[in-house]
């Protein structure tokens, strides 16, 4: 697999939905999660945020300086290299050999999900998400979610 394809696959793995997992991609995902440090997961969250901030819908809300994005890219590239080449090399080789290159997608999706959960588990982020509640019409939502009488 060439470097450009690996970079594209890495981006897809973090930002796409679930893929079909097999035993080797599961083992790779487990290794990726177990061998990343808290600092590694923070780097992954920074990279995810810096990349997502390019989307036109949020670009004005969260501008990321090009130098910061470049640093995040560099940091996560080194992380991916270390994980695939050193920390989880045996699992990477087996996953690709027996389940194909899509096994990398599944493995990194698992890691991305863990990093995302850690992002939203942060007390400040959780409190910020809780602020949504003050804008909700709870009575309207309760009516919408209430069981409806069945037609005879």
N, C-alpha and C. Protein backbone atom coordinates (compact mmCIF):
# COMPACT_ATOMS: atom_id res chain seq x y z
N UNK A 1 0.86 -1.17 0.00
CA UNK A 1 0.00 0.00 0.00
C UNK A 1 0.90 1.22 0.00
N UNK A 2 0.60 2.18 -0.89
CA UNK A 2 1.43 3.37 -0.93
C UNK A 2 1.04 4.34 0.17
N UNK A 3 1.89 5.33 0.42
CA UNK A 3 1.71 6.28 1.51
C UNK A 3 0.44 7.10 1.34
N UNK A 4 0.16 7.54 0.13
CA UNK A 4 -1.05 8.34 -0.11
C UNK A 4 -2.29 7.51 0.20
N UNK A 5 -2.30 6.26 -0.22
CA UNK A 5 -3.45 5.39 0.05
C UNK A 5 -3.61 5.17 1.54
N UNK A 6 -2.50 5.00 2.26
CA UNK A 6 -2.57 4.81 3.70
C UNK A 6 -3.12 6.05 4.39
N UNK A 7 -2.69 7.23 3.96
CA UNK A 7 -3.19 8.47 4.56
C UNK A 7 -4.68 8.62 4.30
N UNK A 8 -5.11 8.32 3.07
CA UNK A 8 -6.53 8.41 2.74
C UNK A 8 -7.33 7.41 3.57
N UNK A 9 -6.82 6.20 3.67
CA UNK A 9 -7.49 5.17 4.45
C UNK A 9 -7.57 5.56 5.92
N UNK A 10 -6.49 6.13 6.45
CA UNK A 10 -6.48 6.56 7.84
C UNK A 10 -7.56 7.60 8.08
N UNK A 11 -7.71 8.55 7.17
CA UNK A 11 -8.74 9.57 7.32
C UNK A 11 -10.13 8.94 7.25
N UNK A 12 -10.33 8.04 6.33
CA UNK A 12 -11.63 7.39 6.22
C UNK A 12 -11.96 6.58 7.46
N UNK A 13 -10.97 5.95 8.04
CA UNK A 13 -11.22 5.09 9.18
C UNK A 13 -11.74 5.85 10.38
N UNK A 14 -11.27 7.04 10.57
CA UNK A 14 -11.67 7.80 11.74
C UNK A 14 -13.01 8.49 11.53
N UNK A 15 -13.33 8.86 10.30
CA UNK A 15 -14.51 9.68 10.05
C UNK A 15 -15.67 8.94 9.42
N UNK A 16 -15.61 7.62 9.25
CA UNK A 16 -16.70 6.90 8.63
C UNK A 16 -17.39 5.99 9.63
N UNK A 17 -18.49 5.43 9.20
CA UNK A 17 -19.27 4.54 10.06
C UNK A 17 -18.63 3.18 10.21
N UNK A 18 -19.32 2.31 10.95
CA UNK A 18 -18.75 1.00 11.25
C UNK A 18 -18.52 0.15 10.00
N UNK A 19 -17.47 -0.61 10.05
CA UNK A 19 -17.18 -1.55 8.97
C UNK A 19 -17.37 -2.96 9.52
N UNK A 20 -17.44 -3.94 8.62
CA UNK A 20 -17.57 -5.32 9.04
C UNK A 20 -16.26 -5.77 9.68
N UNK A 21 -16.33 -6.17 10.93
CA UNK A 21 -15.13 -6.56 11.66
C UNK A 21 -14.96 -8.07 11.63
N UNK A 22 -13.73 -8.47 11.50
CA UNK A 22 -13.38 -9.88 11.61
C UNK A 22 -12.46 -10.04 12.80
N UNK A 23 -12.06 -11.26 13.10
CA UNK A 23 -11.22 -11.48 14.29
C UNK A 23 -9.87 -10.78 14.22
N UNK A 24 -9.30 -10.64 13.02
CA UNK A 24 -7.99 -10.00 12.92
C UNK A 24 -8.08 -8.49 13.03
N UNK A 25 -9.12 -7.91 12.43
CA UNK A 25 -9.30 -6.46 12.57
C UNK A 25 -9.70 -6.12 14.00
N UNK A 26 -10.44 -6.99 14.66
CA UNK A 26 -10.75 -6.79 16.08
C UNK A 26 -9.48 -6.79 16.92
N UNK A 27 -8.59 -7.74 16.62
CA UNK A 27 -7.32 -7.82 17.35
C UNK A 27 -6.48 -6.58 17.08
N UNK A 28 -6.50 -6.10 15.86
CA UNK A 28 -5.76 -4.88 15.53
C UNK A 28 -6.34 -3.70 16.29
N UNK A 29 -7.66 -3.57 16.29
CA UNK A 29 -8.30 -2.47 17.02
C UNK A 29 -7.96 -2.51 18.50
N UNK A 30 -7.98 -3.69 19.08
CA UNK A 30 -7.65 -3.85 20.50
C UNK A 30 -6.21 -3.42 20.75
N UNK A 31 -5.30 -3.82 19.88
CA UNK A 31 -3.90 -3.44 20.03
C UNK A 31 -3.74 -1.92 19.90
N UNK A 32 -4.42 -1.32 18.92
CA UNK A 32 -4.31 0.12 18.72
C UNK A 32 -4.75 0.87 19.97
N UNK A 33 -5.86 0.44 20.56
CA UNK A 33 -6.38 1.10 21.75
C UNK A 33 -5.45 0.89 22.94
N UNK A 34 -4.99 -0.35 23.11
CA UNK A 34 -4.16 -0.68 24.28
C UNK A 34 -2.78 -0.04 24.24
N UNK A 35 -2.27 0.21 23.05
CA UNK A 35 -0.90 0.73 22.96
C UNK A 35 -0.83 2.25 22.78
N UNK A 36 -1.98 2.91 22.71
CA UNK A 36 -1.96 4.36 22.64
C UNK A 36 -2.06 4.93 24.05
N UNK A 37 -1.31 5.96 24.26
CA UNK A 37 -1.32 6.64 25.55
C UNK A 37 -2.42 7.70 25.56
N UNK A 38 -2.63 8.28 26.72
CA UNK A 38 -3.59 9.40 26.81
C UNK A 38 -3.13 10.53 25.89
N UNK A 39 -1.84 10.79 25.84
CA UNK A 39 -1.31 11.84 24.96
C UNK A 39 -1.55 11.50 23.49
N UNK A 40 -1.42 10.23 23.13
CA UNK A 40 -1.70 9.81 21.75
C UNK A 40 -3.16 10.07 21.39
N UNK A 41 -4.05 9.73 22.31
CA UNK A 41 -5.48 9.94 22.05
C UNK A 41 -5.80 11.42 21.96
N UNK A 42 -5.14 12.23 22.76
CA UNK A 42 -5.34 13.67 22.66
C UNK A 42 -4.85 14.20 21.32
N UNK A 43 -3.74 13.68 20.85
CA UNK A 43 -3.23 14.08 19.53
C UNK A 43 -4.22 13.69 18.45
N UNK A 44 -4.82 12.52 18.57
CA UNK A 44 -5.80 12.07 17.60
C UNK A 44 -7.04 12.97 17.62
N UNK A 45 -7.48 13.36 18.81
CA UNK A 45 -8.63 14.27 18.93
C UNK A 45 -8.30 15.62 18.31
N UNK A 46 -7.09 16.14 18.55
CA UNK A 46 -6.70 17.42 17.94
C UNK A 46 -6.73 17.33 16.42
N UNK A 47 -6.21 16.22 15.90
CA UNK A 47 -6.18 16.02 14.45
C UNK A 47 -7.60 15.93 13.89
N UNK A 48 -8.47 15.16 14.56
CA UNK A 48 -9.85 15.02 14.12
C UNK A 48 -10.52 16.40 14.10
N UNK A 49 -10.31 17.17 15.15
CA UNK A 49 -10.92 18.50 15.24
C UNK A 49 -10.37 19.43 14.17
N UNK A 50 -9.06 19.46 14.02
CA UNK A 50 -8.43 20.35 13.03
C UNK A 50 -8.88 20.00 11.63
N UNK A 51 -9.08 18.73 11.36
CA UNK A 51 -9.55 18.31 10.03
C UNK A 51 -11.02 18.63 9.85
N UNK A 52 -11.84 18.33 10.86
CA UNK A 52 -13.27 18.61 10.77
C UNK A 52 -13.53 20.12 10.67
N UNK A 53 -12.66 20.93 11.24
CA UNK A 53 -12.84 22.39 11.20
C UNK A 53 -12.72 22.95 9.79
N UNK A 54 -12.30 22.16 8.84
CA UNK A 54 -12.25 22.60 7.44
C UNK A 54 -13.63 22.62 6.79
N UNK A 55 -14.57 21.93 7.39
CA UNK A 55 -15.92 21.86 6.80
C UNK A 55 -16.56 23.24 6.81
N UNK A 56 -17.17 23.62 5.69
CA UNK A 56 -17.77 24.96 5.61
C UNK A 56 -18.80 25.27 6.70
N UNK A 57 -19.49 24.25 7.20
CA UNK A 57 -20.52 24.49 8.22
C UNK A 57 -19.94 24.93 9.55
N UNK A 58 -18.67 24.61 9.81
CA UNK A 58 -18.08 24.96 11.11
C UNK A 58 -16.81 25.80 10.99
N UNK A 59 -16.38 26.02 9.79
CA UNK A 59 -15.11 26.73 9.58
C UNK A 59 -15.07 28.09 10.29
N UNK A 60 -16.18 28.82 10.28
CA UNK A 60 -16.20 30.14 10.92
C UNK A 60 -16.28 30.04 12.44
N UNK A 61 -16.76 28.92 12.96
CA UNK A 61 -16.88 28.73 14.41
C UNK A 61 -15.55 28.34 15.05
N UNK A 62 -14.76 27.60 14.30
CA UNK A 62 -13.54 27.05 14.87
C UNK A 62 -12.39 27.13 13.89
N UNK A 63 -11.91 28.34 13.63
CA UNK A 63 -10.78 28.44 12.69
C UNK A 63 -9.52 27.80 13.29
N UNK A 64 -8.86 27.02 12.49
CA UNK A 64 -7.61 26.38 12.90
C UNK A 64 -6.50 26.92 12.01
N UNK A 65 -5.49 27.45 12.64
CA UNK A 65 -4.37 28.00 11.88
C UNK A 65 -3.71 26.90 11.05
N UNK A 66 -3.30 27.23 9.83
CA UNK A 66 -2.65 26.22 9.00
C UNK A 66 -1.45 25.56 9.69
N UNK A 67 -0.68 26.31 10.45
CA UNK A 67 0.47 25.72 11.16
C UNK A 67 0.01 24.71 12.20
N UNK A 68 -1.10 25.00 12.88
CA UNK A 68 -1.63 24.07 13.88
C UNK A 68 -2.13 22.80 13.20
N UNK A 69 -2.80 22.95 12.05
CA UNK A 69 -3.28 21.78 11.32
C UNK A 69 -2.10 20.94 10.82
N UNK A 70 -1.07 21.61 10.32
CA UNK A 70 0.12 20.90 9.85
C UNK A 70 0.77 20.14 10.99
N UNK A 71 0.85 20.75 12.16
CA UNK A 71 1.42 20.08 13.33
C UNK A 71 0.58 18.87 13.72
N UNK A 72 -0.73 19.02 13.70
CA UNK A 72 -1.61 17.89 14.02
C UNK A 72 -1.43 16.76 13.01
N UNK A 73 -1.34 17.10 11.73
CA UNK A 73 -1.10 16.09 10.69
C UNK A 73 0.22 15.35 10.93
N UNK A 74 1.25 16.11 11.22
CA UNK A 74 2.57 15.52 11.45
C UNK A 74 2.54 14.59 12.66
N UNK A 75 1.93 15.05 13.74
CA UNK A 75 1.88 14.28 14.98
C UNK A 75 1.11 12.97 14.79
N UNK A 76 -0.02 13.02 14.10
CA UNK A 76 -0.82 11.82 13.91
C UNK A 76 -0.18 10.90 12.87
N UNK A 77 0.51 11.44 11.90
CA UNK A 77 1.24 10.60 10.95
C UNK A 77 2.27 9.76 11.68
N UNK A 78 3.01 10.39 12.59
CA UNK A 78 4.00 9.64 13.39
C UNK A 78 3.31 8.59 14.25
N UNK A 79 2.15 8.95 14.81
CA UNK A 79 1.39 8.00 15.63
C UNK A 79 0.97 6.80 14.80
N UNK A 80 0.38 7.04 13.62
CA UNK A 80 -0.04 5.94 12.76
C UNK A 80 1.15 5.08 12.36
N UNK A 81 2.26 5.71 12.02
CA UNK A 81 3.46 4.95 11.64
C UNK A 81 3.91 4.07 12.79
N UNK A 82 3.96 4.64 13.99
CA UNK A 82 4.41 3.87 15.15
C UNK A 82 3.47 2.70 15.43
N UNK A 83 2.18 2.96 15.38
CA UNK A 83 1.22 1.91 15.68
C UNK A 83 1.29 0.77 14.66
N UNK A 84 1.31 1.11 13.38
CA UNK A 84 1.29 0.08 12.34
C UNK A 84 2.63 -0.61 12.15
N UNK A 85 3.72 0.13 12.33
CA UNK A 85 5.04 -0.43 12.06
C UNK A 85 5.70 -1.07 13.28
N UNK A 86 5.36 -0.58 14.46
CA UNK A 86 6.04 -1.06 15.67
C UNK A 86 5.06 -1.71 16.65
N UNK A 87 4.26 -0.91 17.30
CA UNK A 87 3.41 -1.38 18.39
C UNK A 87 2.47 -2.51 18.00
N UNK A 88 1.86 -2.42 16.84
CA UNK A 88 0.86 -3.40 16.41
C UNK A 88 1.21 -4.02 15.06
N UNK A 89 2.49 -4.18 14.80
CA UNK A 89 2.92 -4.67 13.50
C UNK A 89 2.39 -6.06 13.20
N UNK A 90 2.48 -6.97 14.14
CA UNK A 90 2.01 -8.34 13.90
C UNK A 90 0.51 -8.35 13.62
N UNK A 91 -0.25 -7.60 14.41
CA UNK A 91 -1.70 -7.54 14.22
C UNK A 91 -2.05 -6.88 12.88
N UNK A 92 -1.28 -5.85 12.50
CA UNK A 92 -1.50 -5.17 11.23
C UNK A 92 -1.28 -6.14 10.08
N UNK A 93 -0.18 -6.85 10.11
CA UNK A 93 0.14 -7.80 9.04
C UNK A 93 -0.92 -8.88 8.91
N UNK A 94 -1.33 -9.44 10.04
CA UNK A 94 -2.35 -10.50 10.00
C UNK A 94 -3.69 -9.97 9.51
N UNK A 95 -4.07 -8.80 9.99
CA UNK A 95 -5.37 -8.24 9.59
C UNK A 95 -5.40 -8.00 8.09
N UNK A 96 -4.34 -7.43 7.54
CA UNK A 96 -4.31 -7.16 6.10
C UNK A 96 -4.21 -8.46 5.31
N UNK A 97 -3.43 -9.40 5.80
CA UNK A 97 -3.26 -10.68 5.10
C UNK A 97 -4.57 -11.47 5.03
N UNK A 98 -5.28 -11.55 6.13
CA UNK A 98 -6.47 -12.40 6.19
C UNK A 98 -7.79 -11.69 5.93
N UNK A 99 -7.81 -10.37 6.10
CA UNK A 99 -9.08 -9.66 5.95
C UNK A 99 -9.00 -8.49 4.98
N UNK A 100 -7.82 -8.25 4.42
CA UNK A 100 -7.67 -7.18 3.44
C UNK A 100 -7.44 -5.82 4.09
N UNK A 101 -7.21 -4.85 3.23
CA UNK A 101 -6.87 -3.51 3.71
C UNK A 101 -8.02 -2.84 4.47
N UNK A 102 -9.25 -3.27 4.25
CA UNK A 102 -10.37 -2.71 5.00
C UNK A 102 -10.27 -3.03 6.49
N UNK A 103 -9.47 -4.01 6.84
CA UNK A 103 -9.26 -4.33 8.25
C UNK A 103 -8.60 -3.15 8.96
N UNK A 104 -7.78 -2.40 8.24
CA UNK A 104 -7.17 -1.20 8.83
C UNK A 104 -8.25 -0.18 9.18
N UNK A 105 -9.24 -0.05 8.29
CA UNK A 105 -10.33 0.88 8.55
C UNK A 105 -11.04 0.50 9.85
N UNK A 106 -11.35 -0.75 10.01
CA UNK A 106 -12.05 -1.20 11.21
C UNK A 106 -11.20 -0.95 12.46
N UNK A 107 -9.93 -1.28 12.39
CA UNK A 107 -9.05 -1.09 13.54
C UNK A 107 -8.96 0.37 13.96
N UNK A 108 -8.80 1.26 12.99
CA UNK A 108 -8.69 2.68 13.32
C UNK A 108 -10.04 3.28 13.70
N UNK A 109 -11.13 2.72 13.21
CA UNK A 109 -12.44 3.19 13.66
C UNK A 109 -12.60 2.95 15.16
N UNK A 110 -12.15 1.80 15.60
CA UNK A 110 -12.23 1.49 17.03
C UNK A 110 -11.42 2.51 17.82
N UNK A 111 -10.21 2.79 17.38
CA UNK A 111 -9.37 3.77 18.06
C UNK A 111 -10.02 5.15 18.02
N UNK A 112 -10.56 5.55 16.87
CA UNK A 112 -11.22 6.85 16.75
C UNK A 112 -12.42 6.96 17.66
N UNK A 113 -13.17 5.88 17.81
CA UNK A 113 -14.33 5.89 18.70
C UNK A 113 -13.89 6.07 20.16
N UNK A 114 -12.83 5.40 20.55
CA UNK A 114 -12.32 5.54 21.92
C UNK A 114 -11.85 6.97 22.17
N UNK A 115 -11.13 7.53 21.21
CA UNK A 115 -10.66 8.92 21.36
C UNK A 115 -11.84 9.88 21.42
N UNK A 116 -12.86 9.64 20.60
CA UNK A 116 -14.05 10.49 20.60
C UNK A 116 -14.80 10.42 21.92
N UNK A 117 -14.91 9.21 22.48
CA UNK A 117 -15.57 9.07 23.79
C UNK A 117 -14.81 9.84 24.85
N UNK A 118 -13.50 9.80 24.79
CA UNK A 118 -12.70 10.54 25.77
C UNK A 118 -12.90 12.04 25.60
N UNK A 119 -13.06 12.50 24.37
CA UNK A 119 -13.32 13.92 24.11
C UNK A 119 -14.62 14.34 24.79
N UNK A 120 -15.67 13.57 24.58
CA UNK A 120 -16.97 13.95 25.12
C UNK A 120 -17.11 13.63 26.60
N UNK A 121 -16.21 12.84 27.16
CA UNK A 121 -16.24 12.55 28.59
C UNK A 121 -15.57 13.65 29.40
N UNK A 122 -14.83 14.52 28.75
CA UNK A 122 -14.18 15.62 29.46
C UNK A 122 -15.24 16.45 30.16
N UNK A 123 -15.05 16.80 31.43
CA UNK A 123 -16.07 17.54 32.17
C UNK A 123 -16.50 18.86 31.50
N UNK A 124 -15.57 19.59 30.95
CA UNK A 124 -15.93 20.86 30.30
C UNK A 124 -16.79 20.62 29.06
N UNK A 125 -16.45 19.61 28.28
CA UNK A 125 -17.21 19.28 27.08
C UNK A 125 -18.60 18.77 27.47
N UNK A 126 -18.65 17.90 28.48
CA UNK A 126 -19.94 17.38 28.95
C UNK A 126 -20.82 18.51 29.45
N UNK A 127 -20.25 19.46 30.18
CA UNK A 127 -21.02 20.60 30.67
C UNK A 127 -21.52 21.45 29.50
N UNK A 128 -20.67 21.64 28.51
CA UNK A 128 -21.08 22.40 27.33
C UNK A 128 -22.22 21.72 26.60
N UNK A 129 -22.17 20.41 26.50
CA UNK A 129 -23.26 19.67 25.85
C UNK A 129 -24.54 19.78 26.67
N UNK A 130 -24.40 19.83 28.00
CA UNK A 130 -25.55 19.97 28.87
C UNK A 130 -26.27 21.29 28.70
N UNK A 131 -25.57 22.30 28.18
CA UNK A 131 -26.18 23.61 27.97
C UNK A 131 -27.28 23.57 26.91
N UNK A 132 -27.30 22.54 26.10
CA UNK A 132 -28.34 22.38 25.09
C UNK A 132 -29.71 22.28 25.75
N UNK A 133 -29.76 21.65 26.91
CA UNK A 133 -31.02 21.40 27.59
C UNK A 133 -31.82 22.67 27.86
N UNK A 134 -31.15 23.76 28.16
CA UNK A 134 -31.89 24.99 28.47
C UNK A 134 -32.63 25.56 27.26
N UNK A 135 -32.33 25.07 26.07
CA UNK A 135 -32.99 25.55 24.86
C UNK A 135 -34.05 24.57 24.35
N UNK A 136 -34.20 23.44 25.03
CA UNK A 136 -35.17 22.44 24.58
C UNK A 136 -36.54 22.69 25.20
N UNK A 137 -37.58 22.49 24.43
CA UNK A 137 -38.95 22.52 24.93
C UNK A 137 -39.27 21.09 25.38
N UNK A 138 -39.02 20.81 26.66
CA UNK A 138 -39.16 19.43 27.16
C UNK A 138 -40.60 18.94 27.09
N UNK A 139 -41.57 19.84 27.29
CA UNK A 139 -42.97 19.41 27.19
C UNK A 139 -43.30 18.97 25.77
N UNK A 140 -42.82 19.69 24.79
CA UNK A 140 -43.05 19.33 23.40
C UNK A 140 -42.41 17.98 23.08
N UNK A 141 -41.20 17.78 23.58
CA UNK A 141 -40.52 16.50 23.35
C UNK A 141 -41.25 15.37 24.05
N UNK A 142 -41.73 15.59 25.28
CA UNK A 142 -42.46 14.55 25.99
C UNK A 142 -43.73 14.16 25.24
N UNK A 143 -44.44 15.16 24.70
CA UNK A 143 -45.64 14.87 23.92
C UNK A 143 -45.28 14.06 22.67
N UNK A 144 -44.20 14.43 22.03
CA UNK A 144 -43.79 13.74 20.81
C UNK A 144 -43.37 12.29 21.08
N UNK A 145 -42.82 12.05 22.25
CA UNK A 145 -42.32 10.72 22.58
C UNK A 145 -43.31 9.87 23.35
N UNK A 146 -44.44 10.45 23.77
CA UNK A 146 -45.43 9.71 24.55
C UNK A 146 -46.09 8.65 23.68
N UNK A 147 -46.42 7.51 24.31
CA UNK A 147 -47.13 6.48 23.55
C UNK A 147 -48.47 7.00 23.03
N UNK A 148 -48.77 6.67 21.83
CA UNK A 148 -50.01 7.10 21.20
C UNK A 148 -51.06 6.01 21.35
N UNK A 149 -52.31 6.40 21.54
CA UNK A 149 -53.36 5.39 21.61
C UNK A 149 -53.45 4.63 20.28
N UNK A 150 -53.71 3.35 20.38
CA UNK A 150 -53.81 2.53 19.19
C UNK A 150 -55.18 2.71 18.55
N UNK A 151 -55.17 2.70 17.22
CA UNK A 151 -56.44 2.79 16.48
C UNK A 151 -57.20 1.49 16.66
N UNK A 152 -58.56 1.61 16.78
CA UNK A 152 -59.37 0.37 16.95
C UNK A 152 -59.43 -0.45 15.70
